Full PDB file with SEQRES, HELIX, SHEET, SSBOND, CRYST1, ORIGX, SCALE, CONECT and MASTER records, all heavy atoms in Angstrom:
SEQRES   1 A   35  ILE ARG THR GLU LYS GLY TRP ILE HIS ILE ALA HIS GLY          
SEQRES   2 A   35  VAL ARG ASN THR ALA ALA GLY LEU ARG TYR VAL VAL TYR          
SEQRES   3 A   35  ALA PHE ALA THR ASP LEU LYS ASP PRO                          
SHEET    1 AA1 2 TRP A   7  THR A  17  0                                        
SHEET    2 AA1 2 GLY A  20  THR A  30 -1                                        
CRYST1    1.000    1.000    1.000  90.00  90.00  90.00 P 1           1          
ORIGX1      1.000000  0.000000  0.000000        0.00000                         
ORIGX2      0.000000  1.000000  0.000000        0.00000                         
ORIGX3      0.000000  0.000000  1.000000        0.00000                         
SCALE1      1.000000  0.000000  0.000000        0.00000                         
SCALE2      0.000000  1.000000  0.000000        0.00000                         
SCALE3      0.000000  0.000000  1.000000        0.00000                         
ATOM      1  N   ILE A   1     112.162 103.004-142.707  1.00  0.00           N  
ATOM      2  CA  ILE A   1     113.143 103.464-141.650  1.00  0.00           C  
ATOM      3  C   ILE A   1     114.184 104.342-142.373  1.00  0.00           C  
ATOM      4  O   ILE A   1     114.898 103.892-143.306  1.00  0.00           O  
ATOM      5  CB  ILE A   1     113.844 102.276-141.017  1.00  0.00           C  
ATOM      6  CG1 ILE A   1     112.779 101.408-140.277  1.00  0.00           C  
ATOM      7  CG2 ILE A   1     114.861 102.794-140.018  1.00  0.00           C  
ATOM      8  CD1 ILE A   1     113.344 100.060-139.810  1.00  0.00           C  
ATOM      9  N   ARG A   2     114.319 105.539-141.953  1.00  0.00           N  
ATOM     10  CA  ARG A   2     115.295 106.494-142.570  1.00  0.00           C  
ATOM     11  C   ARG A   2     116.716 106.117-142.056  1.00  0.00           C  
ATOM     12  O   ARG A   2     116.911 106.009-140.852  1.00  0.00           O  
ATOM     13  CB  ARG A   2     114.990 107.908-142.189  1.00  0.00           C  
ATOM     14  CG  ARG A   2     116.041 108.940-142.633  1.00  0.00           C  
ATOM     15  CD  ARG A   2     115.748 110.347-142.189  1.00  0.00           C  
ATOM     16  NE  ARG A   2     115.071 111.055-143.213  1.00  0.00           N  
ATOM     17  CZ  ARG A   2     115.659 111.657-144.227  1.00  0.00           C  
ATOM     18  NH1 ARG A   2     116.959 111.601-144.360  1.00  0.00           N  
ATOM     19  NH2 ARG A   2     114.967 112.261-145.108  1.00  0.00           N  
ATOM     20  N   THR A   3     117.643 106.023-142.984  1.00  0.00           N  
ATOM     21  CA  THR A   3     119.077 105.742-142.617  1.00  0.00           C  
ATOM     22  C   THR A   3     119.890 106.737-143.500  1.00  0.00           C  
ATOM     23  O   THR A   3     119.367 107.382-144.377  1.00  0.00           O  
ATOM     24  CB  THR A   3     119.455 104.257-142.949  1.00  0.00           C  
ATOM     25  OG1 THR A   3     119.649 104.135-144.332  1.00  0.00           O  
ATOM     26  CG2 THR A   3     118.475 103.335-142.381  1.00  0.00           C  
ATOM     27  N   GLU A   4     121.168 106.742-143.205  1.00  0.00           N  
ATOM     28  CA  GLU A   4     122.115 107.589-143.967  1.00  0.00           C  
ATOM     29  C   GLU A   4     122.210 107.196-145.474  1.00  0.00           C  
ATOM     30  O   GLU A   4     122.499 108.052-146.314  1.00  0.00           O  
ATOM     31  CB  GLU A   4     123.412 107.630-143.294  1.00  0.00           C  
ATOM     32  CG  GLU A   4     124.108 106.313-143.308  1.00  0.00           C  
ATOM     33  CD  GLU A   4     125.428 106.272-142.563  1.00  0.00           C  
ATOM     34  OE1 GLU A   4     125.751 107.229-141.843  1.00  0.00           O  
ATOM     35  OE2 GLU A   4     126.187 105.225-142.621  1.00  0.00           O  
ATOM     36  N   LYS A   5     121.927 105.937-145.748  1.00  0.00           N  
ATOM     37  CA  LYS A   5     122.055 105.414-147.077  1.00  0.00           C  
ATOM     38  C   LYS A   5     120.763 105.404-147.900  1.00  0.00           C  
ATOM     39  O   LYS A   5     120.823 105.066-149.084  1.00  0.00           O  
ATOM     40  CB  LYS A   5     122.731 104.067-147.133  1.00  0.00           C  
ATOM     41  CG  LYS A   5     124.227 104.089-146.591  1.00  0.00           C  
ATOM     42  CD  LYS A   5     124.875 102.757-146.733  1.00  0.00           C  
ATOM     43  CE  LYS A   5     126.317 102.726-146.328  1.00  0.00           C  
ATOM     44  NZ  LYS A   5     126.915 101.445-146.449  1.00  0.00           N  
ATOM     45  N   GLY A   6     119.695 105.483-147.205  1.00  0.00           N  
ATOM     46  CA  GLY A   6     118.372 105.329-147.887  1.00  0.00           C  
ATOM     47  C   GLY A   6     117.297 104.821-146.964  1.00  0.00           C  
ATOM     48  O   GLY A   6     117.483 104.666-145.698  1.00  0.00           O  
ATOM     49  N   TRP A   7     116.099 104.781-147.437  1.00  0.00           N  
ATOM     50  CA  TRP A   7     114.950 104.273-146.692  1.00  0.00           C  
ATOM     51  C   TRP A   7     114.925 102.719-146.697  1.00  0.00           C  
ATOM     52  O   TRP A   7     114.898 102.147-147.755  1.00  0.00           O  
ATOM     53  CB  TRP A   7     113.665 104.745-147.281  1.00  0.00           C  
ATOM     54  CG  TRP A   7     113.386 106.249-147.122  1.00  0.00           C  
ATOM     55  CD1 TRP A   7     113.604 107.192-148.050  1.00  0.00           C  
ATOM     56  CD2 TRP A   7     112.982 106.993-146.019  1.00  0.00           C  
ATOM     57  NE1 TRP A   7     113.411 108.425-147.625  1.00  0.00           N  
ATOM     58  CE2 TRP A   7     112.903 108.319-146.344  1.00  0.00           C  
ATOM     59  CE3 TRP A   7     112.626 106.518-144.740  1.00  0.00           C  
ATOM     60  CZ2 TRP A   7     112.490 109.313-145.360  1.00  0.00           C  
ATOM     61  CZ3 TRP A   7     112.120 107.520-143.768  1.00  0.00           C  
ATOM     62  CH2 TRP A   7     112.161 108.795-144.162  1.00  0.00           C  
ATOM     63  N   ILE A   8     114.993 102.081-145.540  1.00  0.00           N  
ATOM     64  CA  ILE A   8     114.857 100.701-145.396  1.00  0.00           C  
ATOM     65  C   ILE A   8     113.422 100.306-145.367  1.00  0.00           C  
ATOM     66  O   ILE A   8     112.712 100.701-144.446  1.00  0.00           O  
ATOM     67  CB  ILE A   8     115.614 100.084-144.207  1.00  0.00           C  
ATOM     68  CG1 ILE A   8     117.160 100.441-144.315  1.00  0.00           C  
ATOM     69  CG2 ILE A   8     115.477  98.619-144.086  1.00  0.00           C  
ATOM     70  CD1 ILE A   8     117.864  99.823-145.435  1.00  0.00           C  
ATOM     71  N   HIS A   9     113.000  99.405-146.237  1.00  0.00           N  
ATOM     72  CA  HIS A   9     111.619  98.838-146.284  1.00  0.00           C  
ATOM     73  C   HIS A   9     111.603  97.353-145.825  1.00  0.00           C  
ATOM     74  O   HIS A   9     112.455  96.591-146.350  1.00  0.00           O  
ATOM     75  CB  HIS A   9     111.018  98.982-147.647  1.00  0.00           C  
ATOM     76  CG  HIS A   9     110.882 100.379-148.190  1.00  0.00           C  
ATOM     77  ND1 HIS A   9     109.757 101.034-148.316  1.00  0.00           N  
ATOM     78  CD2 HIS A   9     111.881 101.261-148.550  1.00  0.00           C  
ATOM     79  CE1 HIS A   9     109.956 102.277-148.756  1.00  0.00           C  
ATOM     80  NE2 HIS A   9     111.243 102.418-148.950  1.00  0.00           N  
ATOM     81  N   ILE A  10     110.683  97.021-144.986  1.00  0.00           N  
ATOM     82  CA  ILE A  10     110.467  95.700-144.560  1.00  0.00           C  
ATOM     83  C   ILE A  10     109.067  95.318-145.019  1.00  0.00           C  
ATOM     84  O   ILE A  10     108.039  95.765-144.454  1.00  0.00           O  
ATOM     85  CB  ILE A  10     110.700  95.476-143.066  1.00  0.00           C  
ATOM     86  CG1 ILE A  10     112.001  95.998-142.641  1.00  0.00           C  
ATOM     87  CG2 ILE A  10     110.513  94.008-142.672  1.00  0.00           C  
ATOM     88  CD1 ILE A  10     112.250  96.098-141.126  1.00  0.00           C  
ATOM     89  N   ALA A  11     108.967  94.407-146.045  1.00  0.00           N  
ATOM     90  CA  ALA A  11     107.709  94.196-146.761  1.00  0.00           C  
ATOM     91  C   ALA A  11     107.473  92.684-146.714  1.00  0.00           C  
ATOM     92  O   ALA A  11     108.176  91.901-146.089  1.00  0.00           O  
ATOM     93  CB  ALA A  11     107.809  94.680-148.197  1.00  0.00           C  
ATOM     94  N   HIS A  12     106.327  92.273-147.430  1.00  0.00           N  
ATOM     95  CA  HIS A  12     105.988  90.884-147.529  1.00  0.00           C  
ATOM     96  C   HIS A  12     105.912  90.525-149.032  1.00  0.00           C  
ATOM     97  O   HIS A  12     105.498  91.226-149.825  1.00  0.00           O  
ATOM     98  CB  HIS A  12     104.763  90.478-146.730  1.00  0.00           C  
ATOM     99  CG  HIS A  12     103.537  90.975-147.382  1.00  0.00           C  
ATOM    100  ND1 HIS A  12     102.910  92.204-147.077  1.00  0.00           N  
ATOM    101  CD2 HIS A  12     102.698  90.515-148.305  1.00  0.00           C  
ATOM    102  CE1 HIS A  12     101.817  92.332-147.757  1.00  0.00           C  
ATOM    103  NE2 HIS A  12     101.662  91.297-148.520  1.00  0.00           N  
ATOM    104  N   GLY A  13     106.321  89.221-149.310  1.00  0.00           N  
ATOM    105  CA  GLY A  13     106.153  88.685-150.619  1.00  0.00           C  
ATOM    106  C   GLY A  13     105.414  87.346-150.583  1.00  0.00           C  
ATOM    107  O   GLY A  13     105.422  86.663-149.587  1.00  0.00           O  
ATOM    108  N   VAL A  14     104.757  87.058-151.677  1.00  0.00           N  
ATOM    109  CA  VAL A  14     103.858  85.866-151.643  1.00  0.00           C  
ATOM    110  C   VAL A  14     104.158  85.125-152.915  1.00  0.00           C  
ATOM    111  O   VAL A  14     104.196  85.681-154.026  1.00  0.00           O  
ATOM    112  CB  VAL A  14     102.365  86.317-151.629  1.00  0.00           C  
ATOM    113  CG1 VAL A  14     101.475  85.057-151.427  1.00  0.00           C  
ATOM    114  CG2 VAL A  14     102.075  87.239-150.489  1.00  0.00           C  
ATOM    115  N   ARG A  15     104.187  83.726-152.796  1.00  0.00           N  
ATOM    116  CA  ARG A  15     104.310  82.910-153.926  1.00  0.00           C  
ATOM    117  C   ARG A  15     103.371  81.722-153.769  1.00  0.00           C  
ATOM    118  O   ARG A  15     102.859  81.412-152.679  1.00  0.00           O  
ATOM    119  CB  ARG A  15     105.713  82.367-154.162  1.00  0.00           C  
ATOM    120  CG  ARG A  15     106.203  81.403-153.038  1.00  0.00           C  
ATOM    121  CD  ARG A  15     107.592  80.901-153.395  1.00  0.00           C  
ATOM    122  NE  ARG A  15     108.141  79.972-152.388  1.00  0.00           N  
ATOM    123  CZ  ARG A  15     108.072  78.656-152.422  1.00  0.00           C  
ATOM    124  NH1 ARG A  15     107.406  78.077-153.401  1.00  0.00           N  
ATOM    125  NH2 ARG A  15     108.676  77.889-151.516  1.00  0.00           N  
ATOM    126  N   ASN A  16     103.011  81.171-154.916  1.00  0.00           N  
ATOM    127  CA  ASN A  16     102.148  80.044-154.881  1.00  0.00           C  
ATOM    128  C   ASN A  16     102.898  78.723-154.648  1.00  0.00           C  
ATOM    129  O   ASN A  16     104.040  78.573-155.172  1.00  0.00           O  
ATOM    130  CB  ASN A  16     101.347  79.873-156.250  1.00  0.00           C  
ATOM    131  CG  ASN A  16     100.307  80.906-156.412  1.00  0.00           C  
ATOM    132  OD1 ASN A  16      99.362  80.891-155.639  1.00  0.00           O  
ATOM    133  ND2 ASN A  16     100.400  81.744-157.438  1.00  0.00           N  
ATOM    134  N   THR A  17     102.360  77.835-153.916  1.00  0.00           N  
ATOM    135  CA  THR A  17     102.891  76.463-153.760  1.00  0.00           C  
ATOM    136  C   THR A  17     101.827  75.433-153.917  1.00  0.00           C  
ATOM    137  O   THR A  17     100.655  75.817-153.937  1.00  0.00           O  
ATOM    138  CB  THR A  17     103.543  76.267-152.313  1.00  0.00           C  
ATOM    139  OG1 THR A  17     102.548  76.114-151.335  1.00  0.00           O  
ATOM    140  CG2 THR A  17     104.435  77.577-151.947  1.00  0.00           C  
ATOM    141  N   ALA A  18     102.188  74.188-153.914  1.00  0.00           N  
ATOM    142  CA  ALA A  18     101.220  73.112-154.074  1.00  0.00           C  
ATOM    143  C   ALA A  18     100.233  73.112-152.820  1.00  0.00           C  
ATOM    144  O   ALA A  18      99.214  72.528-152.840  1.00  0.00           O  
ATOM    145  CB  ALA A  18     101.883  71.783-154.200  1.00  0.00           C  
ATOM    146  N   ALA A  19     100.780  73.636-151.643  1.00  0.00           N  
ATOM    147  CA  ALA A  19     100.042  73.714-150.398  1.00  0.00           C  
ATOM    148  C   ALA A  19      99.340  75.045-150.195  1.00  0.00           C  
ATOM    149  O   ALA A  19      98.836  75.262-149.140  1.00  0.00           O  
ATOM    150  CB  ALA A  19     100.948  73.394-149.319  1.00  0.00           C  
ATOM    151  N   GLY A  20      99.347  75.869-151.211  1.00  0.00           N  
ATOM    152  CA  GLY A  20      98.714  77.194-151.063  1.00  0.00           C  
ATOM    153  C   GLY A  20      99.718  78.256-151.012  1.00  0.00           C  
ATOM    154  O   GLY A  20     100.924  78.138-151.341  1.00  0.00           O  
ATOM    155  N   LEU A  21      99.230  79.473-150.695  1.00  0.00           N  
ATOM    156  CA  LEU A  21     100.210  80.708-150.719  1.00  0.00           C  
ATOM    157  C   LEU A  21     101.130  80.622-149.602  1.00  0.00           C  
ATOM    158  O   LEU A  21     100.827  80.162-148.414  1.00  0.00           O  
ATOM    159  CB  LEU A  21      99.349  81.982-150.653  1.00  0.00           C  
ATOM    160  CG  LEU A  21      98.365  82.218-151.790  1.00  0.00           C  
ATOM    161  CD1 LEU A  21      97.570  83.513-151.545  1.00  0.00           C  
ATOM    162  CD2 LEU A  21      99.184  82.404-153.107  1.00  0.00           C  
ATOM    163  N   ARG A  22     102.362  81.044-149.869  1.00  0.00           N  
ATOM    164  CA  ARG A  22     103.405  81.103-148.818  1.00  0.00           C  
ATOM    165  C   ARG A  22     103.836  82.604-148.710  1.00  0.00           C  
ATOM    166  O   ARG A  22     104.334  83.215-149.704  1.00  0.00           O  
ATOM    167  CB  ARG A  22     104.601  80.233-149.146  1.00  0.00           C  
ATOM    168  CG  ARG A  22     105.732  80.290-148.060  1.00  0.00           C  
ATOM    169  CD  ARG A  22     106.846  79.360-148.313  1.00  0.00           C  
ATOM    170  NE  ARG A  22     107.672  79.080-147.178  1.00  0.00           N  
ATOM    171  CZ  ARG A  22     108.896  79.552-147.048  1.00  0.00           C  
ATOM    172  NH1 ARG A  22     109.489  80.172-148.034  1.00  0.00           N  
ATOM    173  NH2 ARG A  22     109.652  79.288-146.049  1.00  0.00           N  
ATOM    174  N   TYR A  23     103.699  83.106-147.479  1.00  0.00           N  
ATOM    175  CA  TYR A  23     104.068  84.530-147.181  1.00  0.00           C  
ATOM    176  C   TYR A  23     105.392  84.592-146.510  1.00  0.00           C  
ATOM    177  O   TYR A  23     105.651  83.863-145.583  1.00  0.00           O  
ATOM    178  CB  TYR A  23     103.019  85.203-146.356  1.00  0.00           C  
ATOM    179  CG  TYR A  23     101.754  85.654-146.968  1.00  0.00           C  
ATOM    180  CD1 TYR A  23     100.825  84.765-147.501  1.00  0.00           C  
ATOM    181  CD2 TYR A  23     101.489  87.002-147.090  1.00  0.00           C  
ATOM    182  CE1 TYR A  23      99.662  85.230-148.038  1.00  0.00           C  
ATOM    183  CE2 TYR A  23     100.299  87.480-147.685  1.00  0.00           C  
ATOM    184  CZ  TYR A  23      99.431  86.593-148.161  1.00  0.00           C  
ATOM    185  OH  TYR A  23      98.275  87.029-148.786  1.00  0.00           O  
ATOM    186  N   VAL A  24     106.249  85.469-146.883  1.00  0.00           N  
ATOM    187  CA  VAL A  24     107.528  85.681-146.232  1.00  0.00           C  
ATOM    188  C   VAL A  24     107.774  87.223-146.182  1.00  0.00           C  
ATOM    189  O   VAL A  24     107.161  88.028-146.783  1.00  0.00           O  
ATOM    190  CB  VAL A  24     108.689  85.084-147.053  1.00  0.00           C  
ATOM    191  CG1 VAL A  24     108.550  83.594-147.164  1.00  0.00           C  
ATOM    192  CG2 VAL A  24     108.910  85.665-148.428  1.00  0.00           C  
ATOM    193  N   VAL A  25     108.743  87.573-145.335  1.00  0.00           N  
ATOM    194  CA  VAL A  25     109.158  88.985-145.147  1.00  0.00           C  
ATOM    195  C   VAL A  25     110.459  89.198-145.872  1.00  0.00           C  
ATOM    196  O   VAL A  25     111.348  88.407-145.834  1.00  0.00           O  
ATOM    197  CB  VAL A  25     109.277  89.274-143.629  1.00  0.00           C  
ATOM    198  CG1 VAL A  25     109.906  90.632-143.345  1.00  0.00           C  
ATOM    199  CG2 VAL A  25     107.939  89.183-142.889  1.00  0.00           C  
ATOM    200  N   TYR A  26     110.543  90.312-146.637  1.00  0.00           N  
ATOM    201  CA  TYR A  26     111.831  90.639-147.289  1.00  0.00           C  
ATOM    202  C   TYR A  26     112.037  92.105-147.135  1.00  0.00           C  
ATOM    203  O   TYR A  26     111.263  92.958-146.541  1.00  0.00           O  
ATOM    204  CB  TYR A  26     111.708  90.254-148.807  1.00  0.00           C  
ATOM    205  CG  TYR A  26     110.896  91.137-149.677  1.00  0.00           C  
ATOM    206  CD1 TYR A  26     111.460  92.043-150.579  1.00  0.00           C  
ATOM    207  CD2 TYR A  26     109.500  91.090-149.691  1.00  0.00           C  
ATOM    208  CE1 TYR A  26     110.766  92.856-151.353  1.00  0.00           C  
ATOM    209  CE2 TYR A  26     108.781  91.908-150.547  1.00  0.00           C  
ATOM    210  CZ  TYR A  26     109.373  92.792-151.427  1.00  0.00           C  
ATOM    211  OH  TYR A  26     108.634  93.609-152.162  1.00  0.00           O  
ATOM    212  N   ALA A  27     113.201  92.574-147.592  1.00  0.00           N  
ATOM    213  CA  ALA A  27     113.673  93.905-147.393  1.00  0.00           C  
ATOM    214  C   ALA A  27     114.207  94.509-148.685  1.00  0.00           C  
ATOM    215  O   ALA A  27     114.700  93.766-149.520  1.00  0.00           O  
ATOM    216  CB  ALA A  27     114.713  94.051-146.205  1.00  0.00           C  
ATOM    217  N   PHE A  28     114.095  95.821-148.770  1.00  0.00           N  
ATOM    218  CA  PHE A  28     114.762  96.590-149.882  1.00  0.00           C  
ATOM    219  C   PHE A  28     114.960  97.985-149.497  1.00  0.00           C  
ATOM    220  O   PHE A  28     114.523  98.421-148.367  1.00  0.00           O  
ATOM    221  CB  PHE A  28     113.896  96.500-151.161  1.00  0.00           C  
ATOM    222  CG  PHE A  28     112.528  97.101-151.080  1.00  0.00           C  
ATOM    223  CD1 PHE A  28     112.334  98.417-151.542  1.00  0.00           C  
ATOM    224  CD2 PHE A  28     111.440  96.422-150.642  1.00  0.00           C  
ATOM    225  CE1 PHE A  28     111.054  98.954-151.479  1.00  0.00           C  
ATOM    226  CE2 PHE A  28     110.165  96.935-150.522  1.00  0.00           C  
ATOM    227  CZ  PHE A  28     109.988  98.260-150.922  1.00  0.00           C  
ATOM    228  N   ALA A  29     115.648  98.752-150.184  1.00  0.00           N  
ATOM    229  CA  ALA A  29     115.898 100.177-149.895  1.00  0.00           C  
ATOM    230  C   ALA A  29     115.521 101.126-151.062  1.00  0.00           C  
ATOM    231  O   ALA A  29     115.679 100.739-152.221  1.00  0.00           O  
ATOM    232  CB  ALA A  29     117.480 100.304-149.562  1.00  0.00           C  
ATOM    233  N   THR A  30     115.109 102.329-150.706  1.00  0.00           N  
ATOM    234  CA  THR A  30     114.795 103.337-151.646  1.00  0.00           C  
ATOM    235  C   THR A  30     115.578 104.557-151.434  1.00  0.00           C  
ATOM    236  O   THR A  30     116.049 104.744-150.284  1.00  0.00           O  
ATOM    237  CB  THR A  30     113.280 103.662-151.751  1.00  0.00           C  
ATOM    238  OG1 THR A  30     112.833 104.117-150.466  1.00  0.00           O  
ATOM    239  CG2 THR A  30     112.410 102.471-152.155  1.00  0.00           C  
ATOM    240  N   ASP A  31     115.652 105.423-152.393  1.00  0.00           N  
ATOM    241  CA  ASP A  31     116.472 106.647-152.297  1.00  0.00           C  
ATOM    242  C   ASP A  31     115.893 107.614-151.289  1.00  0.00           C  
ATOM    243  O   ASP A  31     114.693 107.778-151.266  1.00  0.00           O  
ATOM    244  CB  ASP A  31     116.560 107.301-153.725  1.00  0.00           C  
ATOM    245  CG  ASP A  31     117.451 108.447-153.763  1.00  0.00           C  
ATOM    246  OD1 ASP A  31     118.663 108.255-153.815  1.00  0.00           O  
ATOM    247  OD2 ASP A  31     116.913 109.587-153.740  1.00  0.00           O  
ATOM    248  N   LEU A  32     116.774 108.301-150.528  1.00  0.00           N  
ATOM    249  CA  LEU A  32     116.335 109.287-149.649  1.00  0.00           C  
ATOM    250  C   LEU A  32     115.540 110.392-150.166  1.00  0.00           C  
ATOM    251  O   LEU A  32     114.514 110.797-149.637  1.00  0.00           O  
ATOM    252  CB  LEU A  32     117.507 109.804-148.790  1.00  0.00           C  
ATOM    253  CG  LEU A  32     118.153 108.987-147.701  1.00  0.00           C  
ATOM    254  CD1 LEU A  32     119.321 109.688-147.083  1.00  0.00           C  
ATOM    255  CD2 LEU A  32     117.107 108.661-146.625  1.00  0.00           C  
ATOM    256  N   LYS A  33     115.947 110.902-151.339  1.00  0.00           N  
ATOM    257  CA  LYS A  33     115.273 112.071-151.975  1.00  0.00           C  
ATOM    258  C   LYS A  33     114.048 111.700-152.853  1.00  0.00           C  
ATOM    259  O   LYS A  33     113.099 112.366-152.993  1.00  0.00           O  
ATOM    260  CB  LYS A  33     116.282 112.842-152.770  1.00  0.00           C  
ATOM    261  CG  LYS A  33     117.419 113.503-151.972  1.00  0.00           C  
ATOM    262  CD  LYS A  33     118.269 114.295-152.908  1.00  0.00           C  
ATOM    263  CE  LYS A  33     119.410 115.031-152.066  1.00  0.00           C  
ATOM    264  NZ  LYS A  33     120.324 115.846-152.910  1.00  0.00           N  
ATOM    265  N   ASP A  34     114.130 110.441-153.316  1.00  0.00           N  
ATOM    266  CA  ASP A  34     113.098 109.829-154.159  1.00  0.00           C  
ATOM    267  C   ASP A  34     112.663 108.491-153.594  1.00  0.00           C  
ATOM    268  O   ASP A  34     113.179 107.463-154.049  1.00  0.00           O  
ATOM    269  CB  ASP A  34     113.490 109.807-155.598  1.00  0.00           C  
ATOM    270  CG  ASP A  34     112.382 109.220-156.581  1.00  0.00           C  
ATOM    271  OD1 ASP A  34     111.297 108.995-156.031  1.00  0.00           O  
ATOM    272  OD2 ASP A  34     112.623 109.019-157.714  1.00  0.00           O  
ATOM    273  N   PRO A  35     111.775 108.524-152.613  1.00  0.00           N  
ATOM    274  CA  PRO A  35     111.428 107.164-151.944  1.00  0.00           C  
ATOM    275  C   PRO A  35     110.769 106.198-152.877  1.00  0.00           C  
ATOM    276  O   PRO A  35     110.541 105.098-152.496  1.00  0.00           O  
ATOM    277  CB  PRO A  35     110.430 107.673-150.833  1.00  0.00           C  
ATOM    278  CG  PRO A  35     110.676 109.109-150.629  1.00  0.00           C  
ATOM    279  CD  PRO A  35     111.110 109.630-152.023  1.00  0.00           C  
TER     280      PRO A  35                                                      
MASTER        0    0    0    0    2    0    0    6  279    1    0    3          
END                                                                             
């Protein structure tokens, strides 16, 4: 998502647990000129 401060990314992350993989959603931002 383009914003005035940078590109907002909504992604997923995965970690191992004793019950198997756990997927969550996380966010980060990248530079407007260098995504």
